[in-house]
Amino acid sequence: MGEQSWQPIETAPTDGTRVILMRPAATHLRGGVVIGRHDDDRHANKPRPFWSYEGVQTMDCRRDQPTVWMPLPEPPVKESR
């Protein structure tokens, strides 16, 4: 299994894949590291597009966009006996 490390947000997938994101403004709160995805936002809000975080209101997502990301780890494999 390879070691994961934070990568620049410019390299993150923009196809809706769920990834781990760092919310820079929330690092002093419990919500600094979150799971989220890129949102092409077909609505007329800004910033557009933006990163949405699971369990975080859209308005807060727009104000606190991530600067780094890493892929989600693979789920554990259930061993058969």
N, C-alpha and C. Protein backbone atom coordinates (compact mmCIF):
# COMPACT_ATOMS: atom_id res chain seq x y z
N MET A 1 0.84 -1.18 0.00
CA MET A 1 0.00 0.00 0.00
C MET A 1 0.89 1.24 0.00
N GLY A 2 0.64 2.19 -0.91
CA GLY A 2 1.45 3.38 -1.01
C GLY A 2 1.11 4.41 0.05
N GLU A 3 2.08 5.25 0.36
CA GLU A 3 1.86 6.31 1.35
C GLU A 3 1.11 7.46 0.70
N GLN A 4 0.12 7.97 1.40
CA GLN A 4 -0.63 9.11 0.89
C GLN A 4 -0.05 10.39 1.45
N SER A 5 -0.10 11.44 0.67
CA SER A 5 0.34 12.75 1.15
C SER A 5 -0.55 13.82 0.53
N TRP A 6 -0.58 14.99 1.16
CA TRP A 6 -1.39 16.10 0.66
C TRP A 6 -0.85 16.55 -0.69
N GLN A 7 -1.77 16.85 -1.61
CA GLN A 7 -1.42 17.29 -2.95
C GLN A 7 -2.10 18.64 -3.22
N PRO A 8 -1.54 19.47 -4.11
CA PRO A 8 -2.17 20.75 -4.43
C PRO A 8 -3.58 20.54 -4.99
N ILE A 9 -4.49 21.42 -4.64
CA ILE A 9 -5.88 21.27 -5.06
C ILE A 9 -6.02 21.30 -6.58
N GLU A 10 -5.10 21.93 -7.27
CA GLU A 10 -5.16 21.98 -8.74
C GLU A 10 -5.03 20.61 -9.38
N THR A 11 -4.51 19.64 -8.63
CA THR A 11 -4.34 18.29 -9.17
C THR A 11 -5.49 17.35 -8.80
N ALA A 12 -6.46 17.83 -8.07
CA ALA A 12 -7.57 16.98 -7.60
C ALA A 12 -8.52 16.65 -8.75
N PRO A 13 -9.18 15.49 -8.67
CA PRO A 13 -10.15 15.13 -9.70
C PRO A 13 -11.36 16.07 -9.66
N THR A 14 -11.86 16.42 -10.82
CA THR A 14 -13.02 17.33 -10.90
C THR A 14 -14.24 16.62 -11.48
N ASP A 15 -14.25 15.29 -11.41
CA ASP A 15 -15.35 14.51 -11.98
C ASP A 15 -16.39 14.09 -10.94
N GLY A 16 -16.33 14.69 -9.73
CA GLY A 16 -17.28 14.34 -8.68
C GLY A 16 -16.79 13.25 -7.75
N THR A 17 -15.57 12.76 -7.95
CA THR A 17 -14.99 11.74 -7.08
C THR A 17 -14.84 12.30 -5.67
N ARG A 18 -15.24 11.54 -4.66
CA ARG A 18 -15.08 11.96 -3.27
C ARG A 18 -13.62 11.81 -2.86
N VAL A 19 -13.09 12.86 -2.21
CA VAL A 19 -11.70 12.89 -1.76
C VAL A 19 -11.63 13.51 -0.36
N ILE A 20 -10.46 13.44 0.27
CA ILE A 20 -10.22 14.10 1.54
C ILE A 20 -9.72 15.51 1.24
N LEU A 21 -10.30 16.51 1.90
CA LEU A 21 -9.95 17.91 1.66
C LEU A 21 -9.60 18.60 2.98
N MET A 22 -8.73 19.61 2.93
CA MET A 22 -8.39 20.41 4.10
C MET A 22 -9.09 21.76 3.97
N ARG A 23 -9.94 22.08 4.95
CA ARG A 23 -10.60 23.39 5.01
C ARG A 23 -9.67 24.33 5.78
N PRO A 24 -8.94 25.20 5.12
CA PRO A 24 -7.94 26.02 5.80
C PRO A 24 -8.50 26.90 6.91
N ALA A 25 -9.65 27.52 6.70
CA ALA A 25 -10.21 28.42 7.70
C ALA A 25 -10.78 27.66 8.89
N ALA A 26 -10.96 26.36 8.77
CA ALA A 26 -11.57 25.57 9.84
C ALA A 26 -10.56 24.70 10.58
N THR A 27 -9.27 24.92 10.39
CA THR A 27 -8.29 24.05 11.02
C THR A 27 -8.33 24.16 12.54
N HIS A 28 -8.77 25.28 13.08
CA HIS A 28 -8.88 25.42 14.53
C HIS A 28 -10.17 24.79 15.05
N LEU A 29 -11.05 24.38 14.15
CA LEU A 29 -12.30 23.72 14.51
C LEU A 29 -12.17 22.22 14.24
N ARG A 30 -13.16 21.46 14.62
CA ARG A 30 -13.15 20.02 14.35
C ARG A 30 -13.24 19.72 12.86
N GLY A 31 -13.70 20.66 12.05
CA GLY A 31 -13.97 20.39 10.64
C GLY A 31 -12.84 20.68 9.68
N GLY A 32 -11.59 20.72 10.14
CA GLY A 32 -10.48 21.05 9.26
C GLY A 32 -10.30 20.06 8.12
N VAL A 33 -10.39 18.77 8.41
CA VAL A 33 -10.26 17.73 7.39
C VAL A 33 -11.65 17.15 7.15
N VAL A 34 -12.07 17.17 5.89
CA VAL A 34 -13.41 16.71 5.53
C VAL A 34 -13.38 15.88 4.26
N ILE A 35 -14.45 15.17 4.00
CA ILE A 35 -14.63 14.48 2.73
C ILE A 35 -15.50 15.38 1.86
N GLY A 36 -15.12 15.51 0.61
CA GLY A 36 -15.88 16.37 -0.28
C GLY A 36 -15.66 15.99 -1.72
N ARG A 37 -16.22 16.82 -2.60
CA ARG A 37 -16.09 16.59 -4.04
C ARG A 37 -16.20 17.91 -4.78
N HIS A 38 -15.69 17.93 -6.00
CA HIS A 38 -15.79 19.11 -6.85
C HIS A 38 -17.22 19.23 -7.34
N ASP A 39 -17.74 20.44 -7.36
CA ASP A 39 -19.11 20.70 -7.78
C ASP A 39 -19.07 21.72 -8.91
N ASP A 40 -19.55 21.33 -10.10
CA ASP A 40 -19.49 22.27 -11.22
C ASP A 40 -20.48 23.40 -11.08
N ASP A 41 -21.39 23.33 -10.12
CA ASP A 41 -22.33 24.38 -9.76
C ASP A 41 -22.96 25.07 -10.97
N ARG A 42 -24.02 24.51 -11.43
CA ARG A 42 -24.72 25.09 -12.57
C ARG A 42 -25.58 26.28 -12.18
N HIS A 43 -25.54 26.66 -10.90
CA HIS A 43 -26.29 27.82 -10.43
C HIS A 43 -25.40 29.06 -10.56
N ALA A 44 -25.95 30.21 -10.39
CA ALA A 44 -25.21 31.46 -10.60
C ALA A 44 -24.53 31.97 -9.34
N ASN A 45 -24.07 31.10 -8.47
CA ASN A 45 -23.39 31.53 -7.25
C ASN A 45 -21.88 31.53 -7.45
N LYS A 46 -21.17 32.18 -6.55
CA LYS A 46 -19.72 32.26 -6.66
C LYS A 46 -19.10 31.82 -5.35
N PRO A 47 -17.87 31.26 -5.30
CA PRO A 47 -17.10 30.93 -6.49
C PRO A 47 -17.76 29.81 -7.28
N ARG A 48 -17.44 29.78 -8.51
CA ARG A 48 -18.05 28.81 -9.41
C ARG A 48 -17.00 28.29 -10.37
N PRO A 49 -16.71 27.05 -10.44
CA PRO A 49 -17.19 25.95 -9.60
C PRO A 49 -16.58 26.05 -8.20
N PHE A 50 -16.96 25.12 -7.33
CA PHE A 50 -16.44 25.13 -5.98
C PHE A 50 -16.34 23.71 -5.46
N TRP A 51 -15.75 23.55 -4.28
CA TRP A 51 -15.64 22.24 -3.61
C TRP A 51 -16.71 22.18 -2.55
N SER A 52 -17.50 21.10 -2.55
CA SER A 52 -18.52 20.93 -1.52
C SER A 52 -18.04 19.89 -0.52
N TYR A 53 -18.37 20.12 0.75
CA TYR A 53 -17.95 19.25 1.84
C TYR A 53 -19.17 18.52 2.38
N GLU A 54 -19.02 17.25 2.70
CA GLU A 54 -20.12 16.49 3.27
C GLU A 54 -20.44 17.02 4.67
N GLY A 55 -21.72 17.31 4.91
CA GLY A 55 -22.16 17.78 6.21
C GLY A 55 -21.92 19.25 6.47
N VAL A 56 -21.52 20.03 5.44
CA VAL A 56 -21.26 21.46 5.61
C VAL A 56 -22.18 22.22 4.66
N GLN A 57 -22.80 23.29 5.16
CA GLN A 57 -23.71 24.08 4.33
C GLN A 57 -22.98 24.69 3.14
N THR A 58 -23.69 24.79 2.03
CA THR A 58 -23.10 25.31 0.79
C THR A 58 -22.46 26.67 0.98
N MET A 59 -23.10 27.56 1.72
CA MET A 59 -22.56 28.90 1.92
C MET A 59 -21.19 28.83 2.60
N ASP A 60 -21.05 27.94 3.60
CA ASP A 60 -19.76 27.78 4.28
C ASP A 60 -18.72 27.16 3.36
N CYS A 61 -19.15 26.23 2.49
CA CYS A 61 -18.21 25.63 1.53
C CYS A 61 -17.63 26.70 0.62
N ARG A 62 -18.48 27.58 0.12
CA ARG A 62 -18.02 28.61 -0.81
C ARG A 62 -17.01 29.55 -0.17
N ARG A 63 -17.17 29.82 1.13
CA ARG A 63 -16.26 30.75 1.83
C ARG A 63 -14.92 30.11 2.16
N ASP A 64 -14.89 28.79 2.27
CA ASP A 64 -13.72 28.10 2.79
C ASP A 64 -13.27 27.00 1.83
N GLN A 65 -12.74 27.39 0.70
CA GLN A 65 -12.32 26.43 -0.31
C GLN A 65 -10.97 25.82 0.05
N PRO A 66 -10.77 24.53 -0.27
CA PRO A 66 -9.54 23.83 0.13
C PRO A 66 -8.34 24.24 -0.70
N THR A 67 -7.16 23.98 -0.14
CA THR A 67 -5.91 24.24 -0.87
C THR A 67 -5.17 22.94 -1.14
N VAL A 68 -5.52 21.87 -0.41
CA VAL A 68 -4.87 20.58 -0.60
C VAL A 68 -5.90 19.45 -0.50
N TRP A 69 -5.52 18.28 -1.04
CA TRP A 69 -6.41 17.12 -1.06
C TRP A 69 -5.58 15.85 -1.03
N MET A 70 -6.25 14.74 -0.74
CA MET A 70 -5.65 13.41 -0.92
C MET A 70 -6.77 12.42 -1.21
N PRO A 71 -6.45 11.33 -1.91
CA PRO A 71 -7.49 10.35 -2.23
C PRO A 71 -7.97 9.63 -0.97
N LEU A 72 -9.21 9.18 -1.01
CA LEU A 72 -9.73 8.33 0.05
C LEU A 72 -9.01 6.99 -0.01
N PRO A 73 -8.74 6.38 1.14
CA PRO A 73 -8.13 5.05 1.09
C PRO A 73 -9.12 4.02 0.60
N GLU A 74 -8.60 2.91 0.13
CA GLU A 74 -9.47 1.80 -0.29
C GLU A 74 -10.15 1.22 0.94
N PRO A 75 -11.40 0.78 0.82
CA PRO A 75 -12.05 0.15 1.97
C PRO A 75 -11.38 -1.18 2.30
N PRO A 76 -11.50 -1.61 3.54
CA PRO A 76 -10.87 -2.89 3.91
C PRO A 76 -11.50 -4.05 3.13
N VAL A 77 -10.68 -5.03 2.85
CA VAL A 77 -11.15 -6.22 2.13
C VAL A 77 -11.55 -7.26 3.17
N LYS A 78 -12.75 -7.77 3.04
CA LYS A 78 -13.23 -8.79 3.97
C LYS A 78 -12.59 -10.11 3.59
N GLU A 79 -11.92 -10.70 4.54
CA GLU A 79 -11.26 -11.98 4.29
C GLU A 79 -12.28 -13.11 4.29
N SER A 80 -12.17 -14.00 3.32
CA SER A 80 -13.06 -15.15 3.29
C SER A 80 -12.38 -16.33 3.99
N ARG A 81 -13.17 -17.11 4.66
CA ARG A 81 -12.59 -18.26 5.40
C ARG A 81 -12.96 -19.54 4.75
